[in-house]
Amino acid sequence: MTTTLEITAAPVPQDLAFLSESLTAFNDGDVGASGRKPLAVFVRDEEGAIVAGISGYTAWGWLYVQWLWVDEKLRGRGTAASMLDAAEQEAVARGCQAAWIDTFNPTAAKVYERQGYQPFGALPDFPIGRTRIFLQKKLG
């Protein structure tokens, strides 16, 4: 079989879908179905605009918080903690036993640690001058 290597900054959506479906099929056969399901928590102001939110998913009994953002005006008021609590409760209802999150913001890392998350790994200089911290928490 002859193959070619392609590098692109603009992958075709169908190619990405094929890659995702192929890896999912492999993983399902290797360790069982992930049961992956999106999970989001939003905080909205009186006009319905999003002023804070979490986006992630549950899979293989874990909650992964991919994005957590709080508008500057709401920071320091427990908004992140409330959203994490809500996401964790939903994850437990879905059968999850643990959660993980990562950040390169030292202030965010402290917020997560106050919520019971414990560091389990770090990547220095990711990005340069910062350390990306990986944290986990047992749920339930």
Protein backbone atom coordinates (compact mmCIF):
# COMPACT_ATOMS: atom_id res chain seq x y z
CA MET A 1 0.00 0.00 0.00
CA THR A 2 1.31 3.43 -0.94
CA THR A 3 0.50 6.27 1.48
CA THR A 4 0.98 10.04 1.59
CA LEU A 5 1.37 12.29 4.61
CA GLU A 6 -0.77 15.43 4.62
CA ILE A 7 -0.39 18.34 7.03
CA THR A 8 -3.18 20.92 7.11
CA ALA A 9 -4.34 23.86 9.19
CA ALA A 10 -7.78 23.59 7.59
CA PRO A 11 -8.98 20.00 7.89
CA VAL A 12 -12.20 19.06 6.12
CA PRO A 13 -15.02 18.45 8.64
CA GLN A 14 -15.75 15.06 7.05
CA ASP A 15 -12.14 13.98 7.58
CA LEU A 16 -12.30 14.98 11.25
CA ALA A 17 -15.60 13.11 11.63
CA PHE A 18 -14.03 10.00 10.05
CA LEU A 19 -11.08 10.23 12.44
CA SER A 20 -13.39 10.65 15.45
CA GLU A 21 -15.63 7.74 14.41
CA SER A 22 -12.63 5.50 13.74
CA LEU A 23 -10.98 6.20 17.10
CA THR A 24 -14.32 5.82 18.91
CA ALA A 25 -14.86 2.42 17.27
CA PHE A 26 -11.34 1.32 18.25
CA ASN A 27 -11.75 2.50 21.87
CA ASP A 28 -15.20 0.91 22.16
CA GLY A 29 -13.68 -2.40 21.13
CA ASP A 30 -10.67 -1.98 23.40
CA VAL A 31 -12.19 -0.72 26.69
CA GLY A 32 -15.95 -0.57 26.07
CA ALA A 33 -18.29 2.20 25.09
CA SER A 34 -17.48 5.53 26.70
CA GLY A 35 -21.06 6.70 27.11
CA ARG A 36 -19.75 10.15 26.20
CA LYS A 37 -22.35 12.83 26.74
CA PRO A 38 -21.91 16.62 26.61
CA LEU A 39 -22.42 18.58 29.81
CA ALA A 40 -22.76 22.36 30.08
CA VAL A 41 -23.69 24.76 32.87
CA PHE A 42 -24.50 28.40 32.10
CA VAL A 43 -25.09 31.46 34.24
CA ARG A 44 -27.19 34.10 32.50
CA ASP A 45 -27.94 37.70 33.39
CA GLU A 46 -31.44 39.19 33.52
CA GLU A 47 -31.43 39.65 29.74
CA GLY A 48 -30.43 36.05 29.08
CA ALA A 49 -26.81 36.76 28.11
CA ILE A 50 -24.23 34.21 29.25
CA VAL A 51 -22.03 35.68 31.99
CA ALA A 52 -20.36 32.43 33.06
CA GLY A 53 -20.28 28.84 31.93
CA ILE A 54 -18.79 25.38 31.92
CA SER A 55 -18.51 23.07 28.94
CA GLY A 56 -17.27 19.52 29.04
CA TYR A 57 -18.50 15.97 28.92
CA THR A 58 -18.90 12.77 30.87
CA ALA A 59 -17.32 9.54 29.63
CA TRP A 60 -16.09 6.26 31.15
CA GLY A 61 -17.35 7.36 34.57
CA TRP A 62 -15.48 10.67 34.57
CA LEU A 63 -16.47 14.32 34.23
CA TYR A 64 -14.05 16.37 32.14
CA VAL A 65 -14.41 20.14 32.45
CA GLN A 66 -12.92 21.44 29.20
CA TRP A 67 -13.86 25.11 29.51
CA LEU A 68 -14.76 27.20 32.54
CA TRP A 69 -15.22 30.96 32.15
CA VAL A 70 -16.59 33.66 34.45
CA ASP A 71 -17.14 37.27 33.39
CA GLU A 72 -14.81 39.66 35.20
CA LYS A 73 -17.72 41.33 37.04
CA LEU A 74 -18.67 38.02 38.67
CA ARG A 75 -15.21 36.75 39.61
CA GLY A 76 -14.55 36.25 43.31
CA ARG A 77 -18.24 35.68 44.10
CA GLY A 78 -18.30 31.87 44.12
CA THR A 79 -19.71 31.57 40.60
CA ALA A 80 -17.10 29.02 39.48
CA ALA A 81 -17.71 26.98 42.64
CA SER A 82 -21.47 26.97 42.06
CA MET A 83 -21.06 25.89 38.46
CA LEU A 84 -18.60 23.14 39.40
CA ASP A 85 -21.00 21.89 42.08
CA ALA A 86 -23.84 21.75 39.54
CA ALA A 87 -21.69 19.96 36.94
CA GLU A 88 -20.43 17.48 39.53
CA GLN A 89 -23.97 16.73 40.75
CA GLU A 90 -25.08 16.03 37.17
CA ALA A 91 -22.00 13.87 36.62
CA VAL A 92 -22.80 11.81 39.73
CA ALA A 93 -26.39 11.42 38.48
CA ARG A 94 -24.86 10.05 35.26
CA GLY A 95 -22.85 7.51 37.25
CA CYS A 96 -19.48 9.30 37.33
CA GLN A 97 -17.08 8.64 40.19
CA ALA A 98 -14.48 11.34 39.45
CA ALA A 99 -13.75 14.59 37.62
CA TRP A 100 -10.73 16.27 36.09
CA ILE A 101 -9.86 19.75 34.87
CA ASP A 102 -6.71 21.55 33.74
CA THR A 103 -5.57 25.15 33.77
CA PHE A 104 -2.49 27.31 33.34
CA ASN A 105 -3.98 30.10 35.46
CA PRO A 106 -2.66 30.02 39.05
CA THR A 107 -5.77 31.76 40.41
CA ALA A 108 -8.06 29.21 38.75
CA ALA A 109 -5.95 26.35 40.13
CA LYS A 110 -6.51 27.71 43.67
CA VAL A 111 -10.26 27.92 43.04
CA TYR A 112 -10.31 24.28 41.90
CA GLU A 113 -8.24 23.18 44.88
CA ARG A 114 -10.71 24.93 47.24
CA GLN A 115 -13.41 22.84 45.52
CA GLY A 116 -11.56 19.65 46.44
CA TYR A 117 -9.55 19.08 43.26
CA GLN A 118 -6.01 17.76 43.76
CA PRO A 119 -3.13 18.24 41.32
CA PHE A 120 -1.93 15.06 39.62
CA GLY A 121 0.34 16.41 36.91
CA ALA A 122 1.93 19.50 35.43
CA LEU A 123 3.51 20.65 32.16
CA PRO A 124 6.04 23.44 32.73
CA ASP A 125 6.16 26.24 30.13
CA PHE A 126 2.76 25.39 28.62
CA PRO A 127 2.36 28.17 27.65
CA ILE A 128 5.85 29.66 28.04
CA GLY A 129 6.19 31.18 31.49
CA ARG A 130 3.24 29.25 32.93
CA THR A 131 2.64 25.70 34.08
CA ARG A 132 -0.43 23.78 32.93
CA ILE A 133 -1.80 22.02 36.01
CA PHE A 134 -3.99 18.92 35.83
CA LEU A 135 -6.35 18.35 38.77
CA GLN A 136 -8.75 15.57 39.74
CA LYS A 137 -11.48 15.01 42.30
CA LYS A 138 -13.37 11.95 43.55
CA LEU A 139 -17.12 12.45 43.32
CA GLY A 140 -20.03 11.10 45.32
